[in-house]
Amino acid sequence: MRAAYLTVLSVFCGFVLSACGDHSPTTPSGATPCSYSVGLTTNSFAAGGGTGTASVTAGAGCSWSATSGADWVTLSGASQGSGPGSFTYTVAASSAANDRQTTIGVASASATISQTACAITVAPTAITVGNGSEQASVAVTASGACSWNASADATWLSADPGTGHGSSALTLHVAENNTTGARTAHVQVGGATITVSQTGESAGCAFTFSPAGAELEHQAGTGASHGCIWQPLAPTAAQRASTTPMMPTRPDRGPIHGAPRSSSSVGDQESAAPSSSFRIVTWWSRRLRSLLRLAEP
């Protein structure tokens, strides 16, 4: 009886051990253990990203499944199979400031994929503007189709557009500076920096006018000092009347014969001229009569 019991137990244990033994699905029964390798058409990518094809080498009947080590590498096509095979992988564009790296795994094999950082440059890197409301243009150069964000660290400075891809033009908007002090702010575009300096408002406007007696035709304009507005005004009638024209004189005799005399001169029977134009005409009329008398025989 004991012998029969041991026989039944032995058969049962043999069955259990056979069912629970190590039977890998990648290794056919009675065959050599499977080995795998994976090759990539491209394993180094620029910041703009791209696609490639992975080739899997495996023995007949050896099953496998491919996995990506990062979310910026995606697999498509037959990413699992048995025996030799291939699938496609896609590397997304990078906006990172540093290089990055990951792996694609196939069973016990793996391959490395690397991608360079998104390189962004700007020109110019420094801008100086006056105290008024200003705009400035900046050229953004990015490797591939790199995406970038542009942001300023001051409320009086902004960038348009605020986001972009690849190389593009960027416009900076600078608000008017109503203070007398200069100020500085920065715009970050990816890993590049633009420094913007703005002058302050002038403490006072100074004007000069030459010649002093000239008359202007224009009615408005802007002075040489930034932000200083000037407007020429026509002289009043009183200002015109108070302007006495210069008359030719002789050192030994005073005014030339016939020139207008002061209304207070002895024997002067004429009243003062009402305007400078009238005095000039009167003087030339007298002068002409004097010249005609001298010319008589």
C-alpha atoms as a PDB file:
ATOM      1  CA  MET A   1       0.000   0.000   0.000  1.00  0.00           C
ATOM      2  CA  ARG A   2       2.775   2.397   0.892  1.00  0.00           C
ATOM      3  CA  ALA A   3       4.563   1.568  -2.322  1.00  0.00           C
ATOM      4  CA  ALA A   4       1.441   2.346  -4.382  1.00  0.00           C
ATOM      5  CA  TYR A   5       1.043   5.698  -2.618  1.00  0.00           C
ATOM      6  CA  LEU A   6       4.648   6.688  -3.349  1.00  0.00           C
ATOM      7  CA  THR A   7       4.219   5.738  -6.987  1.00  0.00           C
ATOM      8  CA  VAL A   8       1.129   7.939  -7.383  1.00  0.00           C
ATOM      9  CA  LEU A   9       2.872  10.831  -5.603  1.00  0.00           C
ATOM     10  CA  SER A  10       5.902  10.532  -7.823  1.00  0.00           C
ATOM     11  CA  VAL A  11       3.788  10.661 -10.981  1.00  0.00           C
ATOM     12  CA  PHE A  12       1.865  13.719  -9.686  1.00  0.00           C
ATOM     13  CA  CYS A  13       5.012  15.621  -8.756  1.00  0.00           C
ATOM     14  CA  GLY A  14       6.518  14.875 -12.116  1.00  0.00           C
ATOM     15  CA  PHE A  15       3.445  16.311 -13.795  1.00  0.00           C
ATOM     16  CA  VAL A  16       3.545  19.458 -11.653  1.00  0.00           C
ATOM     17  CA  LEU A  17       7.224  20.050 -12.252  1.00  0.00           C
ATOM     18  CA  SER A  18       6.737  19.579 -15.959  1.00  0.00           C
ATOM     19  CA  ALA A  19       3.888  22.128 -16.027  1.00  0.00           C
ATOM     20  CA  CYS A  20       5.708  24.716 -13.879  1.00  0.00           C
ATOM     21  CA  GLY A  21       9.110  24.413 -15.475  1.00  0.00           C
ATOM     22  CA  ASP A  22      10.878  27.291 -17.380  1.00  0.00           C
ATOM     23  CA  HIS A  23       9.478  27.203 -20.919  1.00  0.00           C
ATOM     24  CA  SER A  24      10.275  30.665 -22.388  1.00  0.00           C
ATOM     25  CA  PRO A  25       7.930  31.632 -25.246  1.00  0.00           C
ATOM     26  CA  THR A  26      10.887  32.991 -27.197  1.00  0.00           C
ATOM     27  CA  THR A  27      12.660  29.637 -27.336  1.00  0.00           C
ATOM     28  CA  PRO A  28      11.198  26.782 -29.381  1.00  0.00           C
ATOM     29  CA  SER A  29      11.134  23.411 -27.608  1.00  0.00           C
ATOM     30  CA  GLY A  30      14.332  21.502 -28.161  1.00  0.00           C
ATOM     31  CA  ALA A  31      16.037  24.432 -30.043  1.00  0.00           C
ATOM     32  CA  THR A  32      19.074  26.553 -29.261  1.00  0.00           C
ATOM     33  CA  PRO A  33      18.251  29.513 -26.918  1.00  0.00           C
ATOM     34  CA  CYS A  34      17.220  32.657 -28.862  1.00  0.00           C
ATOM     35  CA  SER A  35      19.568  35.571 -29.359  1.00  0.00           C
ATOM     36  CA  TYR A  36      18.582  39.030 -30.561  1.00  0.00           C
ATOM     37  CA  SER A  37      20.165  42.107 -32.079  1.00  0.00           C
ATOM     38  CA  VAL A  38      18.710  45.376 -33.351  1.00  0.00           C
ATOM     39  CA  GLY A  39      20.174  47.822 -35.853  1.00  0.00           C
ATOM     40  CA  LEU A  40      19.061  51.394 -36.585  1.00  0.00           C
ATOM     41  CA  THR A  41      19.348  53.188 -39.917  1.00  0.00           C
ATOM     42  CA  THR A  42      19.909  56.448 -37.991  1.00  0.00           C
ATOM     43  CA  ASN A  43      20.764  56.751 -34.314  1.00  0.00           C
ATOM     44  CA  SER A  44      21.819  60.426 -34.168  1.00  0.00           C
ATOM     45  CA  PHE A  45      19.305  63.212 -34.797  1.00  0.00           C
ATOM     46  CA  ALA A  46      19.419  66.989 -34.954  1.00  0.00           C
ATOM     47  CA  ALA A  47      17.044  69.089 -32.869  1.00  0.00           C
ATOM     48  CA  GLY A  48      14.465  68.995 -35.645  1.00  0.00           C
ATOM     49  CA  GLY A  49      13.941  65.239 -35.162  1.00  0.00           C
ATOM     50  CA  GLY A  50      13.175  62.677 -37.877  1.00  0.00           C
ATOM     51  CA  THR A  51      12.364  59.009 -38.579  1.00  0.00           C
ATOM     52  CA  GLY A  52      14.314  55.810 -38.994  1.00  0.00           C
ATOM     53  CA  THR A  53      13.932  52.037 -39.431  1.00  0.00           C
ATOM     54  CA  ALA A  54      14.979  49.399 -36.920  1.00  0.00           C
ATOM     55  CA  SER A  55      15.938  45.895 -38.126  1.00  0.00           C
ATOM     56  CA  VAL A  56      15.586  42.968 -35.724  1.00  0.00           C
ATOM     57  CA  THR A  57      17.705  39.831 -36.014  1.00  0.00           C
ATOM     58  CA  ALA A  58      16.292  36.751 -34.255  1.00  0.00           C
ATOM     59  CA  GLY A  59      16.125  33.042 -34.847  1.00  0.00           C
ATOM     60  CA  ALA A  60      13.102  31.379 -36.397  1.00  0.00           C
ATOM     61  CA  GLY A  61      10.361  30.992 -33.839  1.00  0.00           C
ATOM     62  CA  CYS A  62      11.968  33.470 -31.428  1.00  0.00           C
ATOM     63  CA  SER A  63       9.339  36.050 -30.484  1.00  0.00           C
ATOM     64  CA  TRP A  64      10.116  39.640 -29.465  1.00  0.00           C
ATOM     65  CA  SER A  65       8.524  42.994 -28.619  1.00  0.00           C
ATOM     66  CA  ALA A  66      10.122  46.459 -29.051  1.00  0.00           C
ATOM     67  CA  THR A  67       9.911  49.261 -26.478  1.00  0.00           C
ATOM     68  CA  SER A  68      10.990  52.946 -26.405  1.00  0.00           C
ATOM     69  CA  GLY A  69      12.840  54.385 -23.442  1.00  0.00           C
ATOM     70  CA  ALA A  70      11.394  57.940 -23.784  1.00  0.00           C
ATOM     71  CA  ASP A  71       8.166  59.567 -24.889  1.00  0.00           C
ATOM     72  CA  TRP A  72       9.971  61.637 -27.540  1.00  0.00           C
ATOM     73  CA  VAL A  73      10.671  58.409 -29.495  1.00  0.00           C
ATOM     74  CA  THR A  74       7.592  56.585 -30.770  1.00  0.00           C
ATOM     75  CA  LEU A  75       7.431  53.183 -32.495  1.00  0.00           C
ATOM     76  CA  SER A  76       5.119  52.250 -35.346  1.00  0.00           C
ATOM     77  CA  GLY A  77       4.604  49.365 -37.739  1.00  0.00           C
ATOM     78  CA  ALA A  78       5.324  45.772 -36.636  1.00  0.00           C
ATOM     79  CA  SER A  79       6.945  46.601 -33.287  1.00  0.00           C
ATOM     80  CA  GLN A  80       6.531  42.995 -32.190  1.00  0.00           C
ATOM     81  CA  GLY A  81       6.927  39.683 -33.967  1.00  0.00           C
ATOM     82  CA  SER A  82       8.740  36.377 -34.237  1.00  0.00           C
ATOM     83  CA  GLY A  83      12.035  35.777 -35.996  1.00  0.00           C
ATOM     84  CA  PRO A  84      13.578  38.516 -38.175  1.00  0.00           C
ATOM     85  CA  GLY A  85      11.570  41.724 -38.577  1.00  0.00           C
ATOM     86  CA  SER A  86      11.613  45.519 -38.705  1.00  0.00           C
ATOM     87  CA  PHE A  87       9.655  48.540 -37.504  1.00  0.00           C
ATOM     88  CA  THR A  88       9.725  52.342 -37.774  1.00  0.00           C
ATOM     89  CA  TYR A  89      10.628  54.852 -35.072  1.00  0.00           C
ATOM     90  CA  THR A  90      10.052  58.621 -34.968  1.00  0.00           C
ATOM     91  CA  VAL A  91      12.076  61.178 -33.009  1.00  0.00           C
ATOM     92  CA  ALA A  92      10.170  64.360 -32.081  1.00  0.00           C
ATOM     93  CA  ALA A  93      11.627  67.863 -32.487  1.00  0.00           C
ATOM     94  CA  SER A  94      13.460  69.113 -29.423  1.00  0.00           C
ATOM     95  CA  SER A  95      13.118  72.479 -27.744  1.00  0.00           C
ATOM     96  CA  ALA A  96      15.479  71.449 -24.948  1.00  0.00           C
ATOM     97  CA  ALA A  97      18.605  73.455 -24.255  1.00  0.00           C
ATOM     98  CA  ASN A  98      20.654  70.264 -23.725  1.00  0.00           C
ATOM     99  CA  ASP A  99      21.370  67.127 -25.760  1.00  0.00           C
ATOM    100  CA  ARG A 100      19.284  64.077 -24.893  1.00  0.00           C
ATOM    101  CA  GLN A 101      19.558  60.286 -25.275  1.00  0.00           C
ATOM    102  CA  THR A 102      17.421  57.150 -24.909  1.00  0.00           C
ATOM    103  CA  THR A 103      17.249  53.519 -26.082  1.00  0.00           C
ATOM    104  CA  ILE A 104      15.045  51.218 -28.121  1.00  0.00           C
ATOM    105  CA  GLY A 105      14.839  47.722 -26.627  1.00  0.00           C
ATOM    106  CA  VAL A 106      14.094  44.477 -28.469  1.00  0.00           C
ATOM    107  CA  ALA A 107      13.928  41.473 -26.093  1.00  0.00           C
ATOM    108  CA  SER A 108      17.415  41.312 -24.577  1.00  0.00           C
ATOM    109  CA  ALA A 109      18.966  43.683 -27.171  1.00  0.00           C
ATOM    110  CA  SER A 110      18.940  47.496 -27.291  1.00  0.00           C
ATOM    111  CA  ALA A 111      20.136  50.399 -29.441  1.00  0.00           C
ATOM    112  CA  THR A 112      20.866  53.994 -28.423  1.00  0.00           C
ATOM    113  CA  ILE A 113      19.310  57.100 -29.992  1.00  0.00           C
ATOM    114  CA  SER A 114      20.725  60.585 -29.347  1.00  0.00           C
ATOM    115  CA  GLN A 115      19.474  64.050 -30.258  1.00  0.00           C
ATOM    116  CA  THR A 116      21.267  67.392 -30.151  1.00  0.00           C
ATOM    117  CA  ALA A 117      19.888  70.415 -28.308  1.00  0.00           C
ATOM    118  CA  CYS A 118      17.790  73.059 -29.985  1.00  0.00           C
ATOM    119  CA  ALA A 119      20.304  75.739 -30.948  1.00  0.00           C
ATOM    120  CA  ILE A 120      18.795  79.248 -31.122  1.00  0.00           C
ATOM    121  CA  THR A 121      20.659  82.472 -31.894  1.00  0.00           C
ATOM    122  CA  VAL A 122      19.391  86.054 -32.152  1.00  0.00           C
ATOM    123  CA  ALA A 123      20.727  89.147 -33.889  1.00  0.00           C
ATOM    124  CA  PRO A 124      21.231  91.731 -32.631  1.00  0.00           C
ATOM    125  CA  THR A 125      21.739  90.684 -29.031  1.00  0.00           C
ATOM    126  CA  ALA A 126      21.699  94.273 -27.678  1.00  0.00           C
ATOM    127  CA  ILE A 127      19.402  97.171 -28.639  1.00  0.00           C
ATOM    128  CA  THR A 128      19.293 100.796 -27.454  1.00  0.00           C
ATOM    129  CA  VAL A 129      16.234 102.992 -28.097  1.00  0.00           C
ATOM    130  CA  GLY A 130      15.101 106.502 -27.205  1.00  0.00           C
ATOM    131  CA  ASN A 131      12.607 107.353 -24.504  1.00  0.00           C
ATOM    132  CA  GLY A 132       9.619 107.372 -26.867  1.00  0.00           C
ATOM    133  CA  SER A 133       7.437 104.424 -27.868  1.00  0.00           C
ATOM    134  CA  GLU A 134       9.703 102.318 -30.070  1.00  0.00           C
ATOM    135  CA  GLN A 135       9.837  99.071 -32.081  1.00  0.00           C
ATOM    136  CA  ALA A 136      12.861  96.956 -32.950  1.00  0.00           C
ATOM    137  CA  SER A 137      13.264  93.916 -35.195  1.00  0.00           C
ATOM    138  CA  VAL A 138      15.293  90.852 -34.213  1.00  0.00           C
ATOM    139  CA  ALA A 139      16.224  87.854 -36.400  1.00  0.00           C
ATOM    140  CA  VAL A 140      15.775  84.461 -34.710  1.00  0.00           C
ATOM    141  CA  THR A 141      17.780  81.570 -36.170  1.00  0.00           C
ATOM    142  CA  ALA A 142      16.893  78.067 -34.956  1.00  0.00           C
ATOM    143  CA  SER A 143      18.289  74.700 -35.966  1.00  0.00           C
ATOM    144  CA  GLY A 144      15.738  72.651 -37.851  1.00  0.00           C
ATOM    145  CA  ALA A 145      12.144  73.194 -36.803  1.00  0.00           C
ATOM    146  CA  CYS A 146      12.960  73.962 -33.175  1.00  0.00           C
ATOM    147  CA  SER A 147      10.081  75.463 -31.254  1.00  0.00           C
ATOM    148  CA  TRP A 148      10.809  78.451 -29.003  1.00  0.00           C
ATOM    149  CA  ASN A 149       9.128  80.895 -26.646  1.00  0.00           C
ATOM    150  CA  ALA A 150       9.904  84.607 -26.358  1.00  0.00           C
ATOM    151  CA  SER A 151       9.284  86.382 -23.043  1.00  0.00           C
ATOM    152  CA  ALA A 152      10.345  89.702 -21.490  1.00  0.00           C
ATOM    153  CA  ASP A 153      11.229  90.359 -17.854  1.00  0.00           C
ATOM    154  CA  ALA A 154       9.640  93.850 -17.733  1.00  0.00           C
ATOM    155  CA  THR A 155       6.093  95.109 -18.304  1.00  0.00           C
ATOM    156  CA  TRP A 156       7.267  97.941 -20.590  1.00  0.00           C
ATOM    157  CA  LEU A 157       8.819  95.456 -23.017  1.00  0.00           C
ATOM    158  CA  SER A 158       7.076  92.739 -25.074  1.00  0.00           C
ATOM    159  CA  ALA A 159       7.865  90.382 -27.982  1.00  0.00           C
ATOM    160  CA  ASP A 160       5.690  89.466 -30.949  1.00  0.00           C
ATOM    161  CA  PRO A 161       5.143  86.616 -31.679  1.00  0.00           C
ATOM    162  CA  GLY A 162       5.474  85.009 -28.268  1.00  0.00           C
ATOM    163  CA  THR A 163       6.074  81.530 -29.741  1.00  0.00           C
ATOM    164  CA  GLY A 164       7.552  80.207 -32.966  1.00  0.00           C
ATOM    165  CA  HIS A 165       9.154  77.320 -34.827  1.00  0.00           C
ATOM    166  CA  GLY A 166      12.446  77.404 -36.669  1.00  0.00           C
ATOM    167  CA  SER A 167      13.963  80.633 -37.959  1.00  0.00           C
ATOM    168  CA  SER A 168      11.714  83.676 -37.856  1.00  0.00           C
ATOM    169  CA  ALA A 169      11.526  87.441 -37.335  1.00  0.00           C
ATOM    170  CA  LEU A 170      10.710  88.839 -33.910  1.00  0.00           C
ATOM    171  CA  THR A 171       9.385  92.349 -33.186  1.00  0.00           C
ATOM    172  CA  LEU A 172      10.085  94.003 -29.844  1.00  0.00           C
ATOM    173  CA  HIS A 173       7.661  96.666 -28.558  1.00  0.00           C
ATOM    174  CA  VAL A 174       9.069  99.247 -26.126  1.00  0.00           C
ATOM    175  CA  ALA A 175       6.695 101.536 -24.233  1.00  0.00           C
ATOM    176  CA  GLU A 176       7.439 105.246 -23.725  1.00  0.00           C
ATOM    177  CA  ASN A 177       9.707 106.096 -20.809  1.00  0.00           C
ATOM    178  CA  ASN A 178       8.205 109.122 -19.046  1.00  0.00           C
ATOM    179  CA  THR A 179      10.927 109.249 -16.405  1.00  0.00           C
ATOM    180  CA  THR A 180      14.328 110.909 -16.625  1.00  0.00           C
ATOM    181  CA  GLY A 181      16.127 107.688 -15.723  1.00  0.00           C
ATOM    182  CA  ALA A 182      17.357 105.107 -18.253  1.00  0.00           C
ATOM    183  CA  ARG A 183      16.182 101.493 -17.907  1.00  0.00           C
ATOM    184  CA  THR A 184      17.180  98.012 -19.109  1.00  0.00           C
ATOM    185  CA  ALA A 185      15.249  94.766 -19.628  1.00  0.00           C
ATOM    186  CA  HIS A 186      15.749  91.406 -21.356  1.00  0.00           C
ATOM    187  CA  VAL A 187      13.916  89.106 -23.751  1.00  0.00           C
ATOM    188  CA  GLN A 188      14.580  85.354 -23.606  1.00  0.00           C
ATOM    189  CA  VAL A 189      14.206  83.415 -26.872  1.00  0.00           C
ATOM    190  CA  GLY A 190      14.898  79.770 -26.163  1.00  0.00           C
ATOM    191  CA  GLY A 191      18.400  79.824 -24.728  1.00  0.00           C
ATOM    192  CA  ALA A 192      19.297  83.203 -26.285  1.00  0.00           C
ATOM    193  CA  THR A 193      19.038  86.618 -24.587  1.00  0.00           C
ATOM    194  CA  ILE A 194      18.325  90.078 -26.030  1.00  0.00           C
ATOM    195  CA  THR A 195      19.243  93.093 -23.884  1.00  0.00           C
ATOM    196  CA  VAL A 196      17.110  96.222 -24.447  1.00  0.00           C
ATOM    197  CA  SER A 197      18.228  99.609 -23.075  1.00  0.00           C
ATOM    198  CA  GLN A 198      16.035 102.713 -23.159  1.00  0.00           C
ATOM    199  CA  THR A 199      17.091 106.282 -22.456  1.00  0.00           C
ATOM    200  CA  GLY A 200      15.187 108.527 -20.066  1.00  0.00           C
ATOM    201  CA  GLU A 201      13.208 111.640 -20.833  1.00  0.00           C
ATOM    202  CA  SER A 202      15.215 114.847 -21.189  1.00  0.00           C
ATOM    203  CA  ALA A 203      15.212 116.964 -18.031  1.00  0.00           C
ATOM    204  CA  GLY A 204      14.535 120.101 -20.112  1.00  0.00           C
ATOM    205  CA  CYS A 205      14.292 121.232 -23.726  1.00  0.00           C
ATOM    206  CA  ALA A 206      16.758 123.796 -25.045  1.00  0.00           C
ATOM    207  CA  PHE A 207      16.215 125.600 -28.364  1.00  0.00           C
ATOM    208  CA  THR A 208      18.256 128.004 -30.469  1.00  0.00           C
ATOM    209  CA  PHE A 209      17.026 130.025 -33.440  1.00  0.00           C
ATOM    210  CA  SER A 210      19.177 131.594 -36.126  1.00  0.00           C
ATOM    211  CA  PRO A 211      18.944 134.112 -37.616  1.00  0.00           C
ATOM    212  CA  ALA A 212      16.925 135.819 -34.927  1.00  0.00           C
ATOM    213  CA  GLY A 213      14.970 138.017 -37.366  1.00  0.00           C
ATOM    214  CA  ALA A 214      13.913 135.314 -39.829  1.00  0.00           C
ATOM    215  CA  GLU A 215      10.315 134.248 -40.286  1.00  0.00           C
ATOM    216  CA  LEU A 216       9.215 130.582 -40.590  1.00  0.00           C
ATOM    217  CA  GLU A 217       6.686 129.126 -42.973  1.00  0.00           C
ATOM    218  CA  HIS A 218       6.241 125.770 -41.182  1.00  0.00           C
ATOM    219  CA  GLN A 219       3.834 125.748 -38.289  1.00  0.00           C
ATOM    220  CA  ALA A 220       5.057 122.719 -36.301  1.00  0.00           C
ATOM    221  CA  GLY A 221       8.009 120.400 -35.916  1.00  0.00           C
ATOM    222  CA  THR A 222      10.196 118.407 -33.578  1.00  0.00           C
ATOM    223  CA  GLY A 223      13.288 119.809 -31.911  1.00  0.00           C
ATOM    224  CA  ALA A 224      16.716 118.184 -31.870  1.00  0.00           C
ATOM    225  CA  SER A 225      16.200 116.994 -28.280  1.00  0.00           C
ATOM    226  CA  HIS A 226      14.158 113.807 -28.379  1.00  0.00           C
ATOM    227  CA  GLY A 227      10.557 114.383 -27.402  1.00  0.00           C
ATOM    228  CA  CYS A 228      10.803 118.200 -27.306  1.00  0.00           C
ATOM    229  CA  ILE A 229       8.022 119.738 -29.419  1.00  0.00           C
ATOM    230  CA  TRP A 230       8.279 123.234 -30.862  1.00  0.00           C
ATOM    231  CA  GLN A 231       5.882 125.453 -32.804  1.00  0.00           C
ATOM    232  CA  PRO A 232       6.904 128.726 -34.469  1.00  0.00           C
ATOM    233  CA  LEU A 233       4.470 131.626 -33.990  1.00  0.00           C
ATOM    234  CA  ALA A 234       4.020 134.614 -36.321  1.00  0.00           C
ATOM    235  CA  PRO A 235       5.023 137.975 -34.752  1.00  0.00           C
ATOM    236  CA  THR A 236       2.243 140.228 -33.562  1.00  0.00           C
ATOM    237  CA  ALA A 237       1.488 143.647 -35.135  1.00  0.00           C
ATOM    238  CA  ALA A 238       3.143 145.383 -32.175  1.00  0.00           C
ATOM    239  CA  GLN A 239       6.273 143.257 -32.608  1.00  0.00           C
ATOM    240  CA  ARG A 240       6.424 144.105 -36.310  1.00  0.00           C
ATOM    241  CA  ALA A 241       5.942 147.843 -35.677  1.00  0.00           C
ATOM    242  CA  SER A 242       8.696 147.919 -33.077  1.00  0.00           C
ATOM    243  CA  THR A 243      11.252 146.613 -35.565  1.00  0.00           C
ATOM    244  CA  THR A 244      13.226 149.592 -36.976  1.00  0.00           C
ATOM    245  CA  PRO A 245      15.072 148.891 -40.249  1.00  0.00           C
ATOM    246  CA  MET A 246      18.765 149.605 -40.391  1.00  0.00           C
ATOM    247  CA  MET A 247      19.612 152.682 -42.492  1.00  0.00           C
ATOM    248  CA  PRO A 248      22.943 153.381 -44.215  1.00  0.00           C
ATOM    249  CA  THR A 249      25.056 155.928 -42.334  1.00  0.00           C
ATOM    250  CA  ARG A 250      28.263 157.885 -42.866  1.00  0.00           C
ATOM    251  CA  PRO A 251      30.643 158.250 -39.932  1.00  0.00           C
ATOM    252  CA  ASP A 252      31.181 161.966 -40.555  1.00  0.00           C
ATOM    253  CA  ARG A 253      27.626 163.039 -41.237  1.00  0.00           C
ATOM    254  CA  GLY A 254      25.281 160.437 -39.716  1.00  0.00           C
ATOM    255  CA  PRO A 255      22.469 159.152 -41.890  1.00  0.00           C
ATOM    256  CA  ILE A 256      22.946 159.531 -45.612  1.00  0.00           C
ATOM    257  CA  HIS A 257      21.054 162.447 -47.148  1.00  0.00           C
ATOM    258  CA  GLY A 258      17.414 161.541 -47.493  1.00  0.00           C
ATOM    259  CA  ALA A 259      17.396 158.830 -44.827  1.00  0.00           C
ATOM    260  CA  PRO A 260      14.496 158.957 -42.362  1.00  0.00           C
ATOM    261  CA  ARG A 261      15.098 161.200 -39.373  1.00  0.00           C
ATOM    262  CA  SER A 262      13.726 161.006 -35.906  1.00  0.00           C
ATOM    263  CA  SER A 263      10.347 162.712 -35.483  1.00  0.00           C
ATOM    264  CA  SER A 264      11.898 164.899 -32.749  1.00  0.00           C
ATOM    265  CA  SER A 265      14.412 166.501 -35.157  1.00  0.00           C
ATOM    266  CA  VAL A 266      14.179 170.292 -35.426  1.00  0.00           C
ATOM    267  CA  GLY A 267      12.336 171.407 -38.566  1.00  0.00           C
ATOM    268  CA  ASP A 268      10.961 167.990 -39.311  1.00  0.00           C
ATOM    269  CA  GLN A 269       7.465 168.600 -40.596  1.00  0.00           C
ATOM    270  CA  GLU A 270       6.534 164.958 -41.099  1.00  0.00           C
ATOM    271  CA  SER A 271       5.072 162.595 -38.585  1.00  0.00           C
ATOM    272  CA  ALA A 272       6.711 159.289 -37.672  1.00  0.00           C
ATOM    273  CA  ALA A 273       6.140 156.429 -40.107  1.00  0.00           C
ATOM    274  CA  PRO A 274       3.394 154.074 -38.999  1.00  0.00           C
ATOM    275  CA  SER A 275       5.321 150.932 -40.030  1.00  0.00           C
ATOM    276  CA  SER A 276       8.787 149.784 -40.971  1.00  0.00           C
ATOM    277  CA  SER A 277       7.684 149.096 -44.577  1.00  0.00           C
ATOM    278  CA  PHE A 278       6.345 152.648 -44.949  1.00  0.00           C
ATOM    279  CA  ARG A 279       9.593 154.157 -43.589  1.00  0.00           C
ATOM    280  CA  ILE A 280      11.683 152.123 -46.016  1.00  0.00           C
ATOM    281  CA  VAL A 281       9.587 153.199 -49.019  1.00  0.00           C
ATOM    282  CA  THR A 282       9.705 156.831 -47.915  1.00  0.00           C
ATOM    283  CA  TRP A 283      13.472 156.742 -47.485  1.00  0.00           C
ATOM    284  CA  TRP A 284      14.091 155.277 -50.949  1.00  0.00           C
ATOM    285  CA  SER A 285      11.675 157.794 -52.508  1.00  0.00           C
ATOM    286  CA  ARG A 286      13.604 160.707 -50.998  1.00  0.00           C
ATOM    287  CA  ARG A 287      16.899 159.177 -51.938  1.00  0.00           C
ATOM    288  CA  LEU A 288      15.765 158.809 -55.538  1.00  0.00           C
ATOM    289  CA  ARG A 289      14.687 162.468 -55.696  1.00  0.00           C
ATOM    290  CA  SER A 290      18.060 163.559 -54.323  1.00  0.00           C
ATOM    291  CA  LEU A 291      19.889 161.549 -56.977  1.00  0.00           C
ATOM    292  CA  LEU A 292      17.723 163.098 -59.729  1.00  0.00           C
ATOM    293  CA  ARG A 293      18.502 166.624 -58.513  1.00  0.00           C
ATOM    294  CA  LEU A 294      22.202 165.866 -58.531  1.00  0.00           C
ATOM    295  CA  ALA A 295      21.916 164.630 -62.099  1.00  0.00           C
ATOM    296  CA  GLU A 296      20.345 167.935 -63.345  1.00  0.00           C
ATOM    297  CA  PRO A 297      22.688 170.242 -65.405  1.00  0.00           C
END
